[in-house]
């Protein structure tokens, strides 16, 4: 499955950004899923050509073994929005 290698790559890239002095967005209150998990899921859905909202809601059930603690869709969007600045790097 695409998600594991993508997760490793995203996680490594986030660690590299931190090592370069970039700050990651603060975790949302009660956020259990990591930024790497949420970015991985977003990348996975976009590469699949899925609508982000529909794909995310489907992933909450079908990909639960890989992403056991996904937040509500609105929180997912907030986390992605706060991470938007990192995507330029």
PDB file of N, CA and C in Angstrom:
ATOM      1  N   UNK A   1       0.842  -1.185   0.000  1.00  0.00           N
ATOM      2  CA  UNK A   1       0.000   0.000   0.000  1.00  0.00           C
ATOM      3  C   UNK A   1       0.882   1.241   0.000  1.00  0.00           C
ATOM      4  N   UNK A   2       0.398   2.266  -0.592  1.00  0.00           N
ATOM      5  CA  UNK A   2       1.132   3.518  -0.754  1.00  0.00           C
ATOM      6  C   UNK A   2       1.325   4.276   0.550  1.00  0.00           C
ATOM      7  N   UNK A   3       0.454   4.061   1.523  1.00  0.00           N
ATOM      8  CA  UNK A   3       0.477   4.912   2.705  1.00  0.00           C
ATOM      9  C   UNK A   3       1.732   4.772   3.553  1.00  0.00           C
ATOM     10  N   UNK A   4       2.268   3.585   3.729  1.00  0.00           N
ATOM     11  CA  UNK A   4       3.433   3.420   4.610  1.00  0.00           C
ATOM     12  C   UNK A   4       4.671   4.132   4.068  1.00  0.00           C
ATOM     13  N   UNK A   5       5.080   3.911   2.804  1.00  0.00           N
ATOM     14  CA  UNK A   5       6.248   4.644   2.299  1.00  0.00           C
ATOM     15  C   UNK A   5       6.014   6.151   2.266  1.00  0.00           C
ATOM     16  N   UNK A   6       4.790   6.548   1.975  1.00  0.00           N
ATOM     17  CA  UNK A   6       4.481   7.979   1.957  1.00  0.00           C
ATOM     18  C   UNK A   6       4.606   8.555   3.356  1.00  0.00           C
ATOM     19  N   UNK A   7       4.102   7.831   4.359  1.00  0.00           N
ATOM     20  CA  UNK A   7       4.210   8.301   5.739  1.00  0.00           C
ATOM     21  C   UNK A   7       5.671   8.465   6.147  1.00  0.00           C
ATOM     22  N   UNK A   8       6.490   7.481   5.838  1.00  0.00           N
ATOM     23  CA  UNK A   8       7.912   7.549   6.203  1.00  0.00           C
ATOM     24  C   UNK A   8       8.558   8.767   5.551  1.00  0.00           C
ATOM     25  N   UNK A   9       8.257   9.000   4.279  1.00  0.00           N
ATOM     26  CA  UNK A   9       8.820  10.149   3.569  1.00  0.00           C
ATOM     27  C   UNK A   9       8.348  11.461   4.201  1.00  0.00           C
ATOM     28  N   UNK A  10       7.044  11.583   4.461  1.00  0.00           N
ATOM     29  CA  UNK A  10       6.503  12.811   5.059  1.00  0.00           C
ATOM     30  C   UNK A  10       7.121  13.039   6.430  1.00  0.00           C
ATOM     31  N   UNK A  11       7.187  12.002   7.246  1.00  0.00           N
ATOM     32  CA  UNK A  11       7.749  12.129   8.589  1.00  0.00           C
ATOM     33  C   UNK A  11       9.213  12.560   8.533  1.00  0.00           C
ATOM     34  N   UNK A  12       9.986  11.960   7.639  1.00  0.00           N
ATOM     35  CA  UNK A  12      11.396  12.340   7.485  1.00  0.00           C
ATOM     36  C   UNK A  12      11.531  13.792   7.028  1.00  0.00           C
ATOM     37  N   UNK A  13      10.675  14.216   6.105  1.00  0.00           N
ATOM     38  CA  UNK A  13      10.726  15.598   5.617  1.00  0.00           C
ATOM     39  C   UNK A  13      10.364  16.589   6.722  1.00  0.00           C
ATOM     40  N   UNK A  14       9.384  16.256   7.537  1.00  0.00           N
ATOM     41  CA  UNK A  14       9.025  17.138   8.650  1.00  0.00           C
ATOM     42  C   UNK A  14      10.175  17.243   9.651  1.00  0.00           C
ATOM     43  N   UNK A  15      10.827  16.129   9.930  1.00  0.00           N
ATOM     44  CA  UNK A  15      11.985  16.152  10.837  1.00  0.00           C
ATOM     45  C   UNK A  15      13.114  16.989  10.250  1.00  0.00           C
ATOM     46  N   UNK A  16      13.312  16.899   8.940  1.00  0.00           N
ATOM     47  CA  UNK A  16      14.351  17.697   8.282  1.00  0.00           C
ATOM     48  C   UNK A  16      14.017  19.185   8.363  1.00  0.00           C
ATOM     49  N   UNK A  17      12.759  19.536   8.203  1.00  0.00           N
ATOM     50  CA  UNK A  17      12.359  20.941   8.316  1.00  0.00           C
ATOM     51  C   UNK A  17      12.610  21.475   9.719  1.00  0.00           C
ATOM     52  N   UNK A  18      12.307  20.668  10.722  1.00  0.00           N
ATOM     53  CA  UNK A  18      12.562  21.071  12.105  1.00  0.00           C
ATOM     54  C   UNK A  18      14.062  21.254  12.316  1.00  0.00           C
ATOM     55  N   UNK A  19      14.866  20.349  11.776  1.00  0.00           N
ATOM     56  CA  UNK A  19      16.325  20.444  11.906  1.00  0.00           C
ATOM     57  C   UNK A  19      16.861  21.702  11.226  1.00  0.00           C
ATOM     58  N   UNK A  20      16.161  22.183  10.199  1.00  0.00           N
ATOM     59  CA  UNK A  20      16.568  23.403   9.495  1.00  0.00           C
ATOM     60  C   UNK A  20      16.055  24.661  10.186  1.00  0.00           C
ATOM     61  N   UNK A  21      15.333  24.500  11.276  1.00  0.00           N
ATOM     62  CA  UNK A  21      14.855  25.640  12.037  1.00  0.00           C
ATOM     63  C   UNK A  21      13.416  26.047  11.775  1.00  0.00           C
ATOM     64  N   UNK A  22      12.717  25.309  10.951  1.00  0.00           N
ATOM     65  CA  UNK A  22      11.305  25.611  10.701  1.00  0.00           C
ATOM     66  C   UNK A  22      10.468  25.102  11.865  1.00  0.00           C
ATOM     67  N   UNK A  23       9.409  25.828  12.151  1.00  0.00           N
ATOM     68  CA  UNK A  23       8.512  25.415  13.232  1.00  0.00           C
ATOM     69  C   UNK A  23       7.284  24.744  12.640  1.00  0.00           C
ATOM     70  N   UNK A  24       6.947  23.607  13.206  1.00  0.00           N
ATOM     71  CA  UNK A  24       5.734  22.910  12.796  1.00  0.00           C
ATOM     72  C   UNK A  24       4.542  23.567  13.484  1.00  0.00           C
ATOM     73  N   UNK A  25       3.372  23.498  12.871  1.00  0.00           N
ATOM     74  CA  UNK A  25       2.185  24.053  13.535  1.00  0.00           C
ATOM     75  C   UNK A  25       1.940  23.348  14.861  1.00  0.00           C
ATOM     76  N   UNK A  26       1.461  24.110  15.827  1.00  0.00           N
ATOM     77  CA  UNK A  26       1.142  23.514  17.119  1.00  0.00           C
ATOM     78  C   UNK A  26      -0.011  22.547  16.947  1.00  0.00           C
ATOM     79  N   UNK A  27       0.012  21.500  17.755  1.00  0.00           N
ATOM     80  CA  UNK A  27      -1.088  20.532  17.721  1.00  0.00           C
ATOM     81  C   UNK A  27      -2.375  21.218  18.148  1.00  0.00           C
ATOM     82  N   UNK A  28      -3.461  20.844  17.496  1.00  0.00           N
ATOM     83  CA  UNK A  28      -4.781  21.319  17.889  1.00  0.00           C
ATOM     84  C   UNK A  28      -5.131  20.698  19.245  1.00  0.00           C
ATOM     85  N   UNK A  29      -5.996  21.370  19.966  1.00  0.00           N
ATOM     86  CA  UNK A  29      -6.440  20.837  21.244  1.00  0.00           C
ATOM     87  C   UNK A  29      -7.067  19.460  21.015  1.00  0.00           C
ATOM     88  N   UNK A  30      -6.663  18.498  21.773  1.00  0.00           N
ATOM     89  CA  UNK A  30      -7.159  17.116  21.720  1.00  0.00           C
ATOM     90  C   UNK A  30      -6.759  16.381  20.438  1.00  0.00           C
ATOM     91  N   UNK A  31      -5.792  16.909  19.694  1.00  0.00           N
ATOM     92  CA  UNK A  31      -5.362  16.242  18.454  1.00  0.00           C
ATOM     93  C   UNK A  31      -4.555  15.003  18.801  1.00  0.00           C
ATOM     94  N   UNK A  32      -4.975  13.860  18.282  1.00  0.00           N
ATOM     95  CA  UNK A  32      -4.262  12.612  18.527  1.00  0.00           C
ATOM     96  C   UNK A  32      -3.439  12.200  17.319  1.00  0.00           C
ATOM     97  N   UNK A  33      -3.971  12.403  16.135  1.00  0.00           N
ATOM     98  CA  UNK A  33      -3.233  12.051  14.918  1.00  0.00           C
ATOM     99  C   UNK A  33      -2.076  13.034  14.738  1.00  0.00           C
ATOM    100  N   UNK A  34      -0.951  12.532  14.272  1.00  0.00           N
ATOM    101  CA  UNK A  34       0.207  13.398  14.074  1.00  0.00           C
ATOM    102  C   UNK A  34       0.072  14.180  12.774  1.00  0.00           C
ATOM    103  N   UNK A  35       0.857  15.242  12.673  1.00  0.00           N
ATOM    104  CA  UNK A  35       0.872  16.033  11.444  1.00  0.00           C
ATOM    105  C   UNK A  35       1.302  15.164  10.272  1.00  0.00           C
ATOM    106  N   UNK A  36       2.278  14.298  10.497  1.00  0.00           N
ATOM    107  CA  UNK A  36       2.744  13.404   9.428  1.00  0.00           C
ATOM    108  C   UNK A  36       1.622  12.484   8.957  1.00  0.00           C
ATOM    109  N   UNK A  37       0.819  11.976   9.879  1.00  0.00           N
ATOM    110  CA  UNK A  37      -0.298  11.108   9.493  1.00  0.00           C
ATOM    111  C   UNK A  37      -1.321  11.866   8.651  1.00  0.00           C
ATOM    112  N   UNK A  38      -1.654  13.074   9.075  1.00  0.00           N
ATOM    113  CA  UNK A  38      -2.669  13.848   8.360  1.00  0.00           C
ATOM    114  C   UNK A  38      -2.178  14.294   6.987  1.00  0.00           C
ATOM    115  N   UNK A  39      -0.913  14.701   6.903  1.00  0.00           N
ATOM    116  CA  UNK A  39      -0.361  15.075   5.598  1.00  0.00           C
ATOM    117  C   UNK A  39      -0.265  13.857   4.684  1.00  0.00           C
ATOM    118  N   UNK A  40       0.103  12.726   5.242  1.00  0.00           N
ATOM    119  CA  UNK A  40       0.169  11.489   4.453  1.00  0.00           C
ATOM    120  C   UNK A  40      -1.193  11.151   3.871  1.00  0.00           C
ATOM    121  N   UNK A  41      -2.201  11.246   4.691  1.00  0.00           N
ATOM    122  CA  UNK A  41      -3.546  10.942   4.211  1.00  0.00           C
ATOM    123  C   UNK A  41      -3.971  11.922   3.120  1.00  0.00           C
ATOM    124  N   UNK A  42      -3.671  13.200   3.298  1.00  0.00           N
ATOM    125  CA  UNK A  42      -4.019  14.194   2.276  1.00  0.00           C
ATOM    126  C   UNK A  42      -3.305  13.891   0.962  1.00  0.00           C
ATOM    127  N   UNK A  43      -2.022  13.574   1.031  1.00  0.00           N
ATOM    128  CA  UNK A  43      -1.256  13.239  -0.178  1.00  0.00           C
ATOM    129  C   UNK A  43      -1.830  11.989  -0.830  1.00  0.00           C
ATOM    130  N   UNK A  44      -2.114  10.983  -0.024  1.00  0.00           N
ATOM    131  CA  UNK A  44      -2.680   9.734  -0.533  1.00  0.00           C
ATOM    132  C   UNK A  44      -3.987   9.992  -1.281  1.00  0.00           C
ATOM    133  N   UNK A  45      -4.862  10.778  -0.690  1.00  0.00           N
ATOM    134  CA  UNK A  45      -6.155  11.060  -1.322  1.00  0.00           C
ATOM    135  C   UNK A  45      -5.987  11.857  -2.609  1.00  0.00           C
ATOM    136  N   UNK A  46      -5.090  12.832  -2.589  1.00  0.00           N
ATOM    137  CA  UNK A  46      -4.870  13.640  -3.790  1.00  0.00           C
ATOM    138  C   UNK A  46      -4.256  12.814  -4.911  1.00  0.00           C
ATOM    139  N   UNK A  47      -3.317  11.928  -4.571  1.00  0.00           N
ATOM    140  CA  UNK A  47      -2.716  11.074  -5.601  1.00  0.00           C
ATOM    141  C   UNK A  47      -3.726  10.079  -6.172  1.00  0.00           C
ATOM    142  N   UNK A  48      -4.710   9.721  -5.376  1.00  0.00           N
ATOM    143  CA  UNK A  48      -5.766   8.827  -5.842  1.00  0.00           C
ATOM    144  C   UNK A  48      -6.797   9.577  -6.689  1.00  0.00           C
ATOM    145  N   UNK A  49      -6.688  10.906  -6.713  1.00  0.00           N
ATOM    146  CA  UNK A  49      -7.636  11.711  -7.475  1.00  0.00           C
ATOM    147  C   UNK A  49      -8.993  11.825  -6.801  1.00  0.00           C
ATOM    148  N   UNK A  50      -9.015  11.628  -5.505  1.00  0.00           N
ATOM    149  CA  UNK A  50     -10.277  11.679  -4.770  1.00  0.00           C
ATOM    150  C   UNK A  50     -10.563  13.090  -4.275  1.00  0.00           C
ATOM    151  N   UNK A  51     -11.833  13.398  -4.177  1.00  0.00           N
ATOM    152  CA  UNK A  51     -12.257  14.620  -3.511  1.00  0.00           C
ATOM    153  C   UNK A  51     -11.779  14.521  -2.061  1.00  0.00           C
ATOM    154  N   UNK A  52     -11.144  15.576  -1.573  1.00  0.00           N
ATOM    155  CA  UNK A  52     -10.530  15.507  -0.247  1.00  0.00           C
ATOM    156  C   UNK A  52     -11.559  15.205   0.846  1.00  0.00           C
ATOM    157  N   UNK A  53     -12.696  15.867   0.819  1.00  0.00           N
ATOM    158  CA  UNK A  53     -13.704  15.651   1.863  1.00  0.00           C
ATOM    159  C   UNK A  53     -14.297  14.247   1.781  1.00  0.00           C
ATOM    160  N   UNK A  54     -14.720  13.842   0.606  1.00  0.00           N
ATOM    161  CA  UNK A  54     -15.323  12.511   0.453  1.00  0.00           C
ATOM    162  C   UNK A  54     -14.305  11.413   0.748  1.00  0.00           C
ATOM    163  N   UNK A  55     -13.093  11.587   0.243  1.00  0.00           N
ATOM    164  CA  UNK A  55     -12.051  10.596   0.482  1.00  0.00           C
ATOM    165  C   UNK A  55     -11.683  10.491   1.948  1.00  0.00           C
ATOM    166  N   UNK A  56     -11.638  11.647   2.623  1.00  0.00           N
ATOM    167  CA  UNK A  56     -11.292  11.649   4.041  1.00  0.00           C
ATOM    168  C   UNK A  56     -12.349  10.902   4.852  1.00  0.00           C
ATOM    169  N   UNK A  57     -13.607  11.196   4.568  1.00  0.00           N
ATOM    170  CA  UNK A  57     -14.680  10.528   5.309  1.00  0.00           C
ATOM    171  C   UNK A  57     -14.674   9.024   5.055  1.00  0.00           C
ATOM    172  N   UNK A  58     -14.388   8.620   3.837  1.00  0.00           N
ATOM    173  CA  UNK A  58     -14.288   7.187   3.531  1.00  0.00           C
ATOM    174  C   UNK A  58     -13.070   6.572   4.219  1.00  0.00           C
ATOM    175  N   UNK A  59     -11.967   7.324   4.252  1.00  0.00           N
ATOM    176  CA  UNK A  59     -10.732   6.820   4.860  1.00  0.00           C
ATOM    177  C   UNK A  59     -10.879   6.602   6.361  1.00  0.00           C
ATOM    178  N   UNK A  60     -11.743   7.381   6.997  1.00  0.00           N
ATOM    179  CA  UNK A  60     -11.942   7.207   8.440  1.00  0.00           C
ATOM    180  C   UNK A  60     -12.391   5.789   8.767  1.00  0.00           C
ATOM    181  N   UNK A  61     -13.046   5.120   7.832  1.00  0.00           N
ATOM    182  CA  UNK A  61     -13.467   3.738   8.085  1.00  0.00           C
ATOM    183  C   UNK A  61     -12.557   2.738   7.380  1.00  0.00           C
ATOM    184  N   UNK A  62     -12.256   2.973   6.116  1.00  0.00           N
ATOM    185  CA  UNK A  62     -11.499   1.971   5.352  1.00  0.00           C
ATOM    186  C   UNK A  62     -10.021   1.926   5.717  1.00  0.00           C
ATOM    187  N   UNK A  63      -9.457   3.043   6.144  1.00  0.00           N
ATOM    188  CA  UNK A  63      -8.028   3.076   6.488  1.00  0.00           C
ATOM    189  C   UNK A  63      -7.799   3.161   7.994  1.00  0.00           C
ATOM    190  N   UNK A  64      -8.805   2.831   8.770  1.00  0.00           N
ATOM    191  CA  UNK A  64      -8.690   2.922  10.227  1.00  0.00           C
ATOM    192  C   UNK A  64      -7.496   2.147  10.797  1.00  0.00           C
ATOM    193  N   UNK A  65      -7.128   0.969  10.251  1.00  0.00           N
ATOM    194  CA  UNK A  65      -5.947   0.281  10.786  1.00  0.00           C
ATOM    195  C   UNK A  65      -4.654   1.103  10.634  1.00  0.00           C
ATOM    196  N   UNK A  66      -4.590   1.933   9.607  1.00  0.00           N
ATOM    197  CA  UNK A  66      -3.397   2.747   9.369  1.00  0.00           C
ATOM    198  C   UNK A  66      -3.480   4.097  10.075  1.00  0.00           C
ATOM    199  N   UNK A  67      -4.686   4.613  10.231  1.00  0.00           N
ATOM    200  CA  UNK A  67      -4.908   5.921  10.843  1.00  0.00           C
ATOM    201  C   UNK A  67      -5.993   5.774  11.912  1.00  0.00           C
ATOM    202  N   UNK A  68      -5.640   5.238  13.084  1.00  0.00           N
ATOM    203  CA  UNK A  68      -6.662   4.906  14.087  1.00  0.00           C
ATOM    204  C   UNK A  68      -7.292   6.101  14.800  1.00  0.00           C
ATOM    205  N   UNK A  69      -6.677   7.265  14.752  1.00  0.00           N
ATOM    206  CA  UNK A  69      -7.209   8.385  15.544  1.00  0.00           C
ATOM    207  C   UNK A  69      -7.390   9.646  14.697  1.00  0.00           C
ATOM    208  N   UNK A  70      -8.111   9.510  13.610  1.00  0.00           N
ATOM    209  CA  UNK A  70      -8.344  10.660  12.741  1.00  0.00           C
ATOM    210  C   UNK A  70      -9.366  11.607  13.359  1.00  0.00           C
ATOM    211  N   UNK A  71      -9.119  12.909  13.226  1.00  0.00           N
ATOM    212  CA  UNK A  71     -10.054  13.892  13.780  1.00  0.00           C
ATOM    213  C   UNK A  71     -11.259  14.101  12.863  1.00  0.00           C
ATOM    214  N   UNK A  72     -12.169  14.928  13.313  1.00  0.00           N
ATOM    215  CA  UNK A  72     -13.317  15.328  12.504  1.00  0.00           C
ATOM    216  C   UNK A  72     -12.796  16.052  11.257  1.00  0.00           C
ATOM    217  N   UNK A  73     -13.567  16.032  10.202  1.00  0.00           N
ATOM    218  CA  UNK A  73     -13.161  16.631   8.931  1.00  0.00           C
ATOM    219  C   UNK A  73     -12.765  18.095   9.079  1.00  0.00           C
ATOM    220  N   UNK A  74     -13.497  18.877   9.863  1.00  0.00           N
ATOM    221  CA  UNK A  74     -13.169  20.302  10.015  1.00  0.00           C
ATOM    222  C   UNK A  74     -11.811  20.490  10.689  1.00  0.00           C
ATOM    223  N   UNK A  75     -11.490  19.639  11.643  1.00  0.00           N
ATOM    224  CA  UNK A  75     -10.178  19.725  12.305  1.00  0.00           C
ATOM    225  C   UNK A  75      -9.075  19.315  11.330  1.00  0.00           C
ATOM    226  N   UNK A  76      -9.346  18.320  10.508  1.00  0.00           N
ATOM    227  CA  UNK A  76      -8.401  17.896   9.475  1.00  0.00           C
ATOM    228  C   UNK A  76      -8.063  19.078   8.567  1.00  0.00           C
ATOM    229  N   UNK A  77      -9.098  19.810   8.137  1.00  0.00           N
ATOM    230  CA  UNK A  77      -8.877  20.988   7.294  1.00  0.00           C
ATOM    231  C   UNK A  77      -8.066  22.059   8.025  1.00  0.00           C
ATOM    232  N   UNK A  78      -8.350  22.286   9.304  1.00  0.00           N
ATOM    233  CA  UNK A  78      -7.602  23.300  10.069  1.00  0.00           C
ATOM    234  C   UNK A  78      -6.125  22.936  10.161  1.00  0.00           C
ATOM    235  N   UNK A  79      -5.845  21.676  10.422  1.00  0.00           N
ATOM    236  CA  UNK A  79      -4.447  21.239  10.525  1.00  0.00           C
ATOM    237  C   UNK A  79      -3.745  21.424   9.183  1.00  0.00           C
ATOM    238  N   UNK A  80      -4.399  21.037   8.092  1.00  0.00           N
ATOM    239  CA  UNK A  80      -3.799  21.212   6.766  1.00  0.00           C
ATOM    240  C   UNK A  80      -3.575  22.680   6.457  1.00  0.00           C
ATOM    241  N   UNK A  81      -4.529  23.518   6.833  1.00  0.00           N
ATOM    242  CA  UNK A  81      -4.402  24.952   6.579  1.00  0.00           C
ATOM    243  C   UNK A  81      -3.213  25.533   7.344  1.00  0.00           C
ATOM    244  N   UNK A  82      -3.028  25.117   8.582  1.00  0.00           N
ATOM    245  CA  UNK A  82      -1.901  25.615   9.375  1.00  0.00           C
ATOM    246  C   UNK A  82      -0.568  25.098   8.849  1.00  0.00           C
ATOM    247  N   UNK A  83      -0.580  23.951   8.198  1.00  0.00           N
ATOM    248  CA  UNK A  83       0.655  23.370   7.655  1.00  0.00           C
ATOM    249  C   UNK A  83       0.953  23.882   6.249  1.00  0.00           C
ATOM    250  N   UNK A  84       0.079  24.684   5.699  1.00  0.00           N
ATOM    251  CA  UNK A  84       0.216  25.152   4.316  1.00  0.00           C
ATOM    252  C   UNK A  84       1.572  25.808   4.064  1.00  0.00           C
ATOM    253  N   UNK A  85       2.063  26.590   4.993  1.00  0.00           N
ATOM    254  CA  UNK A  85       3.351  27.262   4.828  1.00  0.00           C
ATOM    255  C   UNK A  85       4.523  26.304   4.703  1.00  0.00           C
ATOM    256  N   UNK A  86       4.416  25.137   5.297  1.00  0.00           N
ATOM    257  CA  UNK A  86       5.489  24.144   5.217  1.00  0.00           C
ATOM    258  C   UNK A  86       5.609  23.555   3.821  1.00  0.00           C
ATOM    259  N   UNK A  87       4.514  23.534   3.100  1.00  0.00           N
ATOM    260  CA  UNK A  87       4.509  22.886   1.793  1.00  0.00           C
ATOM    261  C   UNK A  87       5.373  23.622   0.782  1.00  0.00           C
ATOM    262  N   UNK A  88       5.690  24.872   1.040  1.00  0.00           N
ATOM    263  CA  UNK A  88       6.551  25.634   0.138  1.00  0.00           C
ATOM    264  C   UNK A  88       8.005  25.190   0.247  1.00  0.00           C
ATOM    265  N   UNK A  89       8.332  24.515   1.335  1.00  0.00           N
ATOM    266  CA  UNK A  89       9.718  24.092   1.553  1.00  0.00           C
ATOM    267  C   UNK A  89       9.863  22.715   1.014  1.00  0.00           C
TER     268      UNK A  89
END
